[in-house]
Amino acid sequence: MTKFSAFLKDEAGAVTVDWVVLTAAVVGLGLLIFSWVRPAVSNLAASINQELADAQACMEQNNAATCQ
């Protein structure tokens, strides 16, 4: 039973377990923040896409380098 007692008292893998837990926490927080920010970024991208499409249509209609 001394080998089993030595195994229970051994702390060689404790640092690895700590890093795994900390990494999982960071990944979890990242996913949480991503799910919170994603709708705003998606709306912004859609607005930019619409502005670029409007500018392209204006330039194609007027054959001009600038549109207002």
PDB file of N, CA and C in Angstrom:
ATOM      1  N   MET A   1       0.820  -1.197   0.000  1.00  0.00           N
ATOM      2  CA  MET A   1       0.000   0.000   0.000  1.00  0.00           C
ATOM      3  C   MET A   1       0.865   1.263   0.000  1.00  0.00           C
ATOM      4  N   THR A   2       2.146   1.145   0.165  1.00  0.00           N
ATOM      5  CA  THR A   2       3.009   2.318   0.173  1.00  0.00           C
ATOM      6  C   THR A   2       3.086   2.950  -1.212  1.00  0.00           C
ATOM      7  N   LYS A   3       3.036   2.134  -2.276  1.00  0.00           N
ATOM      8  CA  LYS A   3       3.053   2.713  -3.619  1.00  0.00           C
ATOM      9  C   LYS A   3       1.786   3.520  -3.881  1.00  0.00           C
ATOM     10  N   PHE A   4       0.664   3.030  -3.393  1.00  0.00           N
ATOM     11  CA  PHE A   4      -0.596   3.754  -3.559  1.00  0.00           C
ATOM     12  C   PHE A   4      -0.578   5.059  -2.767  1.00  0.00           C
ATOM     13  N   SER A   5      -0.045   5.036  -1.568  1.00  0.00           N
ATOM     14  CA  SER A   5       0.070   6.254  -0.756  1.00  0.00           C
ATOM     15  C   SER A   5       0.996   7.255  -1.424  1.00  0.00           C
ATOM     16  N   ALA A   6       2.093   6.764  -1.988  1.00  0.00           N
ATOM     17  CA  ALA A   6       3.021   7.654  -2.676  1.00  0.00           C
ATOM     18  C   ALA A   6       2.355   8.271  -3.907  1.00  0.00           C
ATOM     19  N   PHE A   7       1.545   7.474  -4.610  1.00  0.00           N
ATOM     20  CA  PHE A   7       0.825   7.981  -5.781  1.00  0.00           C
ATOM     21  C   PHE A   7      -0.148   9.093  -5.387  1.00  0.00           C
ATOM     22  N   LEU A   8      -0.857   8.921  -4.295  1.00  0.00           N
ATOM     23  CA  LEU A   8      -1.822   9.928  -3.853  1.00  0.00           C
ATOM     24  C   LEU A   8      -1.142  11.216  -3.401  1.00  0.00           C
ATOM     25  N   LYS A   9       0.065  11.107  -2.867  1.00  0.00           N
ATOM     26  CA  LYS A   9       0.775  12.292  -2.373  1.00  0.00           C
ATOM     27  C   LYS A   9       1.586  12.988  -3.462  1.00  0.00           C
ATOM     28  N   ASP A  10       1.784  12.326  -4.594  1.00  0.00           N
ATOM     29  CA  ASP A  10       2.592  12.887  -5.670  1.00  0.00           C
ATOM     30  C   ASP A  10       1.870  14.089  -6.284  1.00  0.00           C
ATOM     31  N   GLU A  11       2.599  15.193  -6.447  1.00  0.00           N
ATOM     32  CA  GLU A  11       2.023  16.419  -6.999  1.00  0.00           C
ATOM     33  C   GLU A  11       2.635  16.779  -8.348  1.00  0.00           C
ATOM     34  N   ALA A  12       3.219  15.820  -9.025  1.00  0.00           N
ATOM     35  CA  ALA A  12       3.921  16.095 -10.287  1.00  0.00           C
ATOM     36  C   ALA A  12       2.963  16.584 -11.379  1.00  0.00           C
ATOM     37  N   GLY A  13       1.741  16.118 -11.426  1.00  0.00           N
ATOM     38  CA  GLY A  13       0.813  16.519 -12.468  1.00  0.00           C
ATOM     39  C   GLY A  13      -0.109  17.653 -12.073  1.00  0.00           C
ATOM     40  N   ALA A  14       0.082  18.210 -10.887  1.00  0.00           N
ATOM     41  CA  ALA A  14      -0.821  19.256 -10.404  1.00  0.00           C
ATOM     42  C   ALA A  14      -0.732  20.518 -11.263  1.00  0.00           C
ATOM     43  N   VAL A  15       0.456  20.857 -11.721  1.00  0.00           N
ATOM     44  CA  VAL A  15       0.622  22.056 -12.540  1.00  0.00           C
ATOM     45  C   VAL A  15      -0.100  21.877 -13.875  1.00  0.00           C
ATOM     46  N   THR A  16      -0.028  20.698 -14.435  1.00  0.00           N
ATOM     47  CA  THR A  16      -0.713  20.424 -15.694  1.00  0.00           C
ATOM     48  C   THR A  16      -2.221  20.565 -15.531  1.00  0.00           C
ATOM     49  N   VAL A  17      -2.738  20.051 -14.450  1.00  0.00           N
ATOM     50  CA  VAL A  17      -4.180  20.165 -14.196  1.00  0.00           C
ATOM     51  C   VAL A  17      -4.579  21.624 -14.040  1.00  0.00           C
ATOM     52  N   ASP A  18      -3.760  22.407 -13.359  1.00  0.00           N
ATOM     53  CA  ASP A  18      -4.048  23.838 -13.206  1.00  0.00           C
ATOM     54  C   ASP A  18      -4.102  24.530 -14.565  1.00  0.00           C
ATOM     55  N   TRP A  19      -3.129  24.228 -15.432  1.00  0.00           N
ATOM     56  CA  TRP A  19      -3.101  24.860 -16.754  1.00  0.00           C
ATOM     57  C   TRP A  19      -4.297  24.443 -17.588  1.00  0.00           C
ATOM     58  N   VAL A  20      -4.709  23.195 -17.492  1.00  0.00           N
ATOM     59  CA  VAL A  20      -5.872  22.733 -18.240  1.00  0.00           C
ATOM     60  C   VAL A  20      -7.124  23.475 -17.779  1.00  0.00           C
ATOM     61  N   VAL A  21      -7.274  23.637 -16.495  1.00  0.00           N
ATOM     62  CA  VAL A  21      -8.445  24.342 -15.964  1.00  0.00           C
ATOM     63  C   VAL A  21      -8.422  25.812 -16.378  1.00  0.00           C
ATOM     64  N   LEU A  22      -7.259  26.453 -16.276  1.00  0.00           N
ATOM     65  CA  LEU A  22      -7.160  27.861 -16.673  1.00  0.00           C
ATOM     66  C   LEU A  22      -7.406  28.037 -18.167  1.00  0.00           C
ATOM     67  N   THR A  23      -6.882  27.132 -18.990  1.00  0.00           N
ATOM     68  CA  THR A  23      -7.097  27.219 -20.430  1.00  0.00           C
ATOM     69  C   THR A  23      -8.569  27.017 -20.773  1.00  0.00           C
ATOM     70  N   ALA A  24      -9.208  26.089 -20.115  1.00  0.00           N
ATOM     71  CA  ALA A  24     -10.641  25.873 -20.351  1.00  0.00           C
ATOM     72  C   ALA A  24     -11.445  27.112 -19.958  1.00  0.00           C
ATOM     73  N   ALA A  25     -11.057  27.771 -18.884  1.00  0.00           N
ATOM     74  CA  ALA A  25     -11.754  28.985 -18.463  1.00  0.00           C
ATOM     75  C   ALA A  25     -11.578  30.104 -19.493  1.00  0.00           C
ATOM     76  N   VAL A  26     -10.372  30.262 -20.009  1.00  0.00           N
ATOM     77  CA  VAL A  26     -10.116  31.303 -21.006  1.00  0.00           C
ATOM     78  C   VAL A  26     -10.902  31.020 -22.290  1.00  0.00           C
ATOM     79  N   VAL A  27     -10.913  29.766 -22.728  1.00  0.00           N
ATOM     80  CA  VAL A  27     -11.672  29.409 -23.927  1.00  0.00           C
ATOM     81  C   VAL A  27     -13.165  29.637 -23.702  1.00  0.00           C
ATOM     82  N   GLY A  28     -13.663  29.267 -22.532  1.00  0.00           N
ATOM     83  CA  GLY A  28     -15.076  29.478 -22.221  1.00  0.00           C
ATOM     84  C   GLY A  28     -15.451  30.948 -22.224  1.00  0.00           C
ATOM     85  N   LEU A  29     -14.614  31.787 -21.630  1.00  0.00           N
ATOM     86  CA  LEU A  29     -14.883  33.230 -21.641  1.00  0.00           C
ATOM     87  C   LEU A  29     -14.810  33.795 -23.055  1.00  0.00           C
ATOM     88  N   GLY A  30     -13.875  33.296 -23.849  1.00  0.00           N
ATOM     89  CA  GLY A  30     -13.778  33.741 -25.236  1.00  0.00           C
ATOM     90  C   GLY A  30     -15.026  33.412 -26.024  1.00  0.00           C
ATOM     91  N   LEU A  31     -15.543  32.211 -25.849  1.00  0.00           N
ATOM     92  CA  LEU A  31     -16.776  31.827 -26.539  1.00  0.00           C
ATOM     93  C   LEU A  31     -17.971  32.650 -26.061  1.00  0.00           C
ATOM     94  N   LEU A  32     -18.014  32.936 -24.777  1.00  0.00           N
ATOM     95  CA  LEU A  32     -19.092  33.757 -24.233  1.00  0.00           C
ATOM     96  C   LEU A  32     -19.055  35.163 -24.826  1.00  0.00           C
ATOM     97  N   ILE A  33     -17.891  35.751 -24.871  1.00  0.00           N
ATOM     98  CA  ILE A  33     -17.746  37.101 -25.427  1.00  0.00           C
ATOM     99  C   ILE A  33     -18.046  37.094 -26.920  1.00  0.00           C
ATOM    100  N   PHE A  34     -17.594  36.048 -27.626  1.00  0.00           N
ATOM    101  CA  PHE A  34     -17.864  35.952 -29.057  1.00  0.00           C
ATOM    102  C   PHE A  34     -19.359  35.895 -29.336  1.00  0.00           C
ATOM    103  N   SER A  35     -20.084  35.124 -28.553  1.00  0.00           N
ATOM    104  CA  SER A  35     -21.527  35.026 -28.775  1.00  0.00           C
ATOM    105  C   SER A  35     -22.236  36.337 -28.451  1.00  0.00           C
ATOM    106  N   TRP A  36     -21.659  37.152 -27.609  1.00  0.00           N
ATOM    107  CA  TRP A  36     -22.246  38.443 -27.256  1.00  0.00           C
ATOM    108  C   TRP A  36     -21.924  39.499 -28.320  1.00  0.00           C
ATOM    109  N   VAL A  37     -20.735  39.431 -28.912  1.00  0.00           N
ATOM    110  CA  VAL A  37     -20.278  40.444 -29.866  1.00  0.00           C
ATOM    111  C   VAL A  37     -20.721  40.120 -31.296  1.00  0.00           C
ATOM    112  N   ARG A  38     -20.928  38.846 -31.613  1.00  0.00           N
ATOM    113  CA  ARG A  38     -21.215  38.419 -32.982  1.00  0.00           C
ATOM    114  C   ARG A  38     -22.387  39.148 -33.628  1.00  0.00           C
ATOM    115  N   PRO A  39     -23.531  39.341 -32.984  1.00  0.00           N
ATOM    116  CA  PRO A  39     -24.630  40.046 -33.664  1.00  0.00           C
ATOM    117  C   PRO A  39     -24.273  41.481 -34.056  1.00  0.00           C
ATOM    118  N   ALA A  40     -23.560  42.179 -33.208  1.00  0.00           N
ATOM    119  CA  ALA A  40     -23.183  43.558 -33.525  1.00  0.00           C
ATOM    120  C   ALA A  40     -22.224  43.601 -34.707  1.00  0.00           C
ATOM    121  N   VAL A  41     -21.270  42.691 -34.749  1.00  0.00           N
ATOM    122  CA  VAL A  41     -20.316  42.652 -35.854  1.00  0.00           C
ATOM    123  C   VAL A  41     -21.031  42.257 -37.148  1.00  0.00           C
ATOM    124  N   SER A  42     -21.967  41.340 -37.051  1.00  0.00           N
ATOM    125  CA  SER A  42     -22.723  40.922 -38.234  1.00  0.00           C
ATOM    126  C   SER A  42     -23.544  42.076 -38.791  1.00  0.00           C
ATOM    127  N   ASN A  43     -24.189  42.843 -37.927  1.00  0.00           N
ATOM    128  CA  ASN A  43     -24.961  44.010 -38.372  1.00  0.00           C
ATOM    129  C   ASN A  43     -24.063  45.057 -39.012  1.00  0.00           C
ATOM    130  N   LEU A  44     -22.892  45.282 -38.425  1.00  0.00           N
ATOM    131  CA  LEU A  44     -21.955  46.248 -38.982  1.00  0.00           C
ATOM    132  C   LEU A  44     -21.474  45.802 -40.356  1.00  0.00           C
ATOM    133  N   ALA A  45     -21.178  44.519 -40.504  1.00  0.00           N
ATOM    134  CA  ALA A  45     -20.734  43.993 -41.800  1.00  0.00           C
ATOM    135  C   ALA A  45     -21.831  44.133 -42.842  1.00  0.00           C
ATOM    136  N   ALA A  46     -23.070  43.899 -42.458  1.00  0.00           N
ATOM    137  CA  ALA A  46     -24.180  44.052 -43.400  1.00  0.00           C
ATOM    138  C   ALA A  46     -24.335  45.510 -43.824  1.00  0.00           C
ATOM    139  N   SER A  47     -24.163  46.433 -42.893  1.00  0.00           N
ATOM    140  CA  SER A  47     -24.251  47.870 -43.230  1.00  0.00           C
ATOM    141  C   SER A  47     -23.132  48.281 -44.178  1.00  0.00           C
ATOM    142  N   ILE A  48     -21.938  47.804 -43.931  1.00  0.00           N
ATOM    143  CA  ILE A  48     -20.806  48.118 -44.811  1.00  0.00           C
ATOM    144  C   ILE A  48     -21.052  47.540 -46.195  1.00  0.00           C
ATOM    145  N   ASN A  49     -21.549  46.317 -46.246  1.00  0.00           N
ATOM    146  CA  ASN A  49     -21.857  45.690 -47.529  1.00  0.00           C
ATOM    147  C   ASN A  49     -22.887  46.501 -48.308  1.00  0.00           C
ATOM    148  N   GLN A  50     -23.913  47.001 -47.641  1.00  0.00           N
ATOM    149  CA  GLN A  50     -24.945  47.795 -48.303  1.00  0.00           C
ATOM    150  C   GLN A  50     -24.374  49.109 -48.825  1.00  0.00           C
ATOM    151  N   GLU A  51     -23.532  49.759 -48.031  1.00  0.00           N
ATOM    152  CA  GLU A  51     -22.917  51.020 -48.475  1.00  0.00           C
ATOM    153  C   GLU A  51     -22.037  50.801 -49.698  1.00  0.00           C
ATOM    154  N   LEU A  52     -21.272  49.715 -49.690  1.00  0.00           N
ATOM    155  CA  LEU A  52     -20.419  49.434 -50.846  1.00  0.00           C
ATOM    156  C   LEU A  52     -21.243  49.105 -52.087  1.00  0.00           C
ATOM    157  N   ALA A  53     -22.330  48.375 -51.909  1.00  0.00           N
ATOM    158  CA  ALA A  53     -23.195  48.060 -53.042  1.00  0.00           C
ATOM    159  C   ALA A  53     -23.831  49.333 -53.606  1.00  0.00           C
ATOM    160  N   ASP A  54     -24.267  50.234 -52.737  1.00  0.00           N
ATOM    161  CA  ASP A  54     -24.848  51.502 -53.190  1.00  0.00           C
ATOM    162  C   ASP A  54     -23.815  52.338 -53.943  1.00  0.00           C
ATOM    163  N   ALA A  55     -22.593  52.385 -53.427  1.00  0.00           N
ATOM    164  CA  ALA A  55     -21.540  53.160 -54.087  1.00  0.00           C
ATOM    165  C   ALA A  55     -21.206  52.562 -55.454  1.00  0.00           C
ATOM    166  N   GLN A  56     -21.154  51.259 -55.536  1.00  0.00           N
ATOM    167  CA  GLN A  56     -20.854  50.607 -56.811  1.00  0.00           C
ATOM    168  C   GLN A  56     -21.974  50.878 -57.821  1.00  0.00           C
ATOM    169  N   ALA A  57     -23.212  50.789 -57.395  1.00  0.00           N
ATOM    170  CA  ALA A  57     -24.335  51.054 -58.297  1.00  0.00           C
ATOM    171  C   ALA A  57     -24.305  52.488 -58.782  1.00  0.00           C
ATOM    172  N   CYS A  58     -23.997  53.423 -57.905  1.00  0.00           N
ATOM    173  CA  CYS A  58     -23.920  54.840 -58.282  1.00  0.00           C
ATOM    174  C   CYS A  58     -22.814  55.068 -59.301  1.00  0.00           C
ATOM    175  N   MET A  59     -21.669  54.454 -59.063  1.00  0.00           N
ATOM    176  CA  MET A  59     -20.552  54.641 -59.982  1.00  0.00           C
ATOM    177  C   MET A  59     -20.831  54.010 -61.340  1.00  0.00           C
ATOM    178  N   GLU A  60     -21.537  52.886 -61.355  1.00  0.00           N
ATOM    179  CA  GLU A  60     -21.856  52.243 -62.621  1.00  0.00           C
ATOM    180  C   GLU A  60     -22.898  53.052 -63.395  1.00  0.00           C
ATOM    181  N   GLN A  61     -23.835  53.678 -62.696  1.00  0.00           N
ATOM    182  CA  GLN A  61     -24.866  54.479 -63.360  1.00  0.00           C
ATOM    183  C   GLN A  61     -24.292  55.773 -63.922  1.00  0.00           C
ATOM    184  N   ASN A  62     -23.444  56.427 -63.168  1.00  0.00           N
ATOM    185  CA  ASN A  62     -22.976  57.757 -63.532  1.00  0.00           C
ATOM    186  C   ASN A  62     -21.632  57.757 -64.257  1.00  0.00           C
ATOM    187  N   ASN A  63     -20.983  56.611 -64.347  1.00  0.00           N
ATOM    188  CA  ASN A  63     -19.636  56.541 -64.921  1.00  0.00           C
ATOM    189  C   ASN A  63     -18.719  57.582 -64.295  1.00  0.00           C
ATOM    190  N   ALA A  64     -18.820  57.735 -63.013  1.00  0.00           N
ATOM    191  CA  ALA A  64     -18.049  58.752 -62.312  1.00  0.00           C
ATOM    192  C   ALA A  64     -17.126  58.088 -61.293  1.00  0.00           C
ATOM    193  N   ALA A  65     -16.082  58.809 -60.952  1.00  0.00           N
ATOM    194  CA  ALA A  65     -15.139  58.305 -59.954  1.00  0.00           C
ATOM    195  C   ALA A  65     -15.661  58.570 -58.545  1.00  0.00           C
ATOM    196  N   THR A  66     -16.547  59.549 -58.398  1.00  0.00           N
ATOM    197  CA  THR A  66     -17.107  59.856 -57.077  1.00  0.00           C
ATOM    198  C   THR A  66     -18.621  59.957 -57.173  1.00  0.00           C
ATOM    199  N   CYS A  67     -19.267  59.561 -56.123  1.00  0.00           N
ATOM    200  CA  CYS A  67     -20.730  59.664 -56.052  1.00  0.00           C
ATOM    201  C   CYS A  67     -21.109  60.275 -54.702  1.00  0.00           C
ATOM    202  N   GLN A  68     -22.272  60.893 -54.697  1.00  0.00           N
ATOM    203  CA  GLN A  68     -22.713  61.498 -53.438  1.00  0.00           C
ATOM    204  C   GLN A  68     -24.102  61.087 -53.098  1.00  0.00           C
TER     205      GLN A  68
END
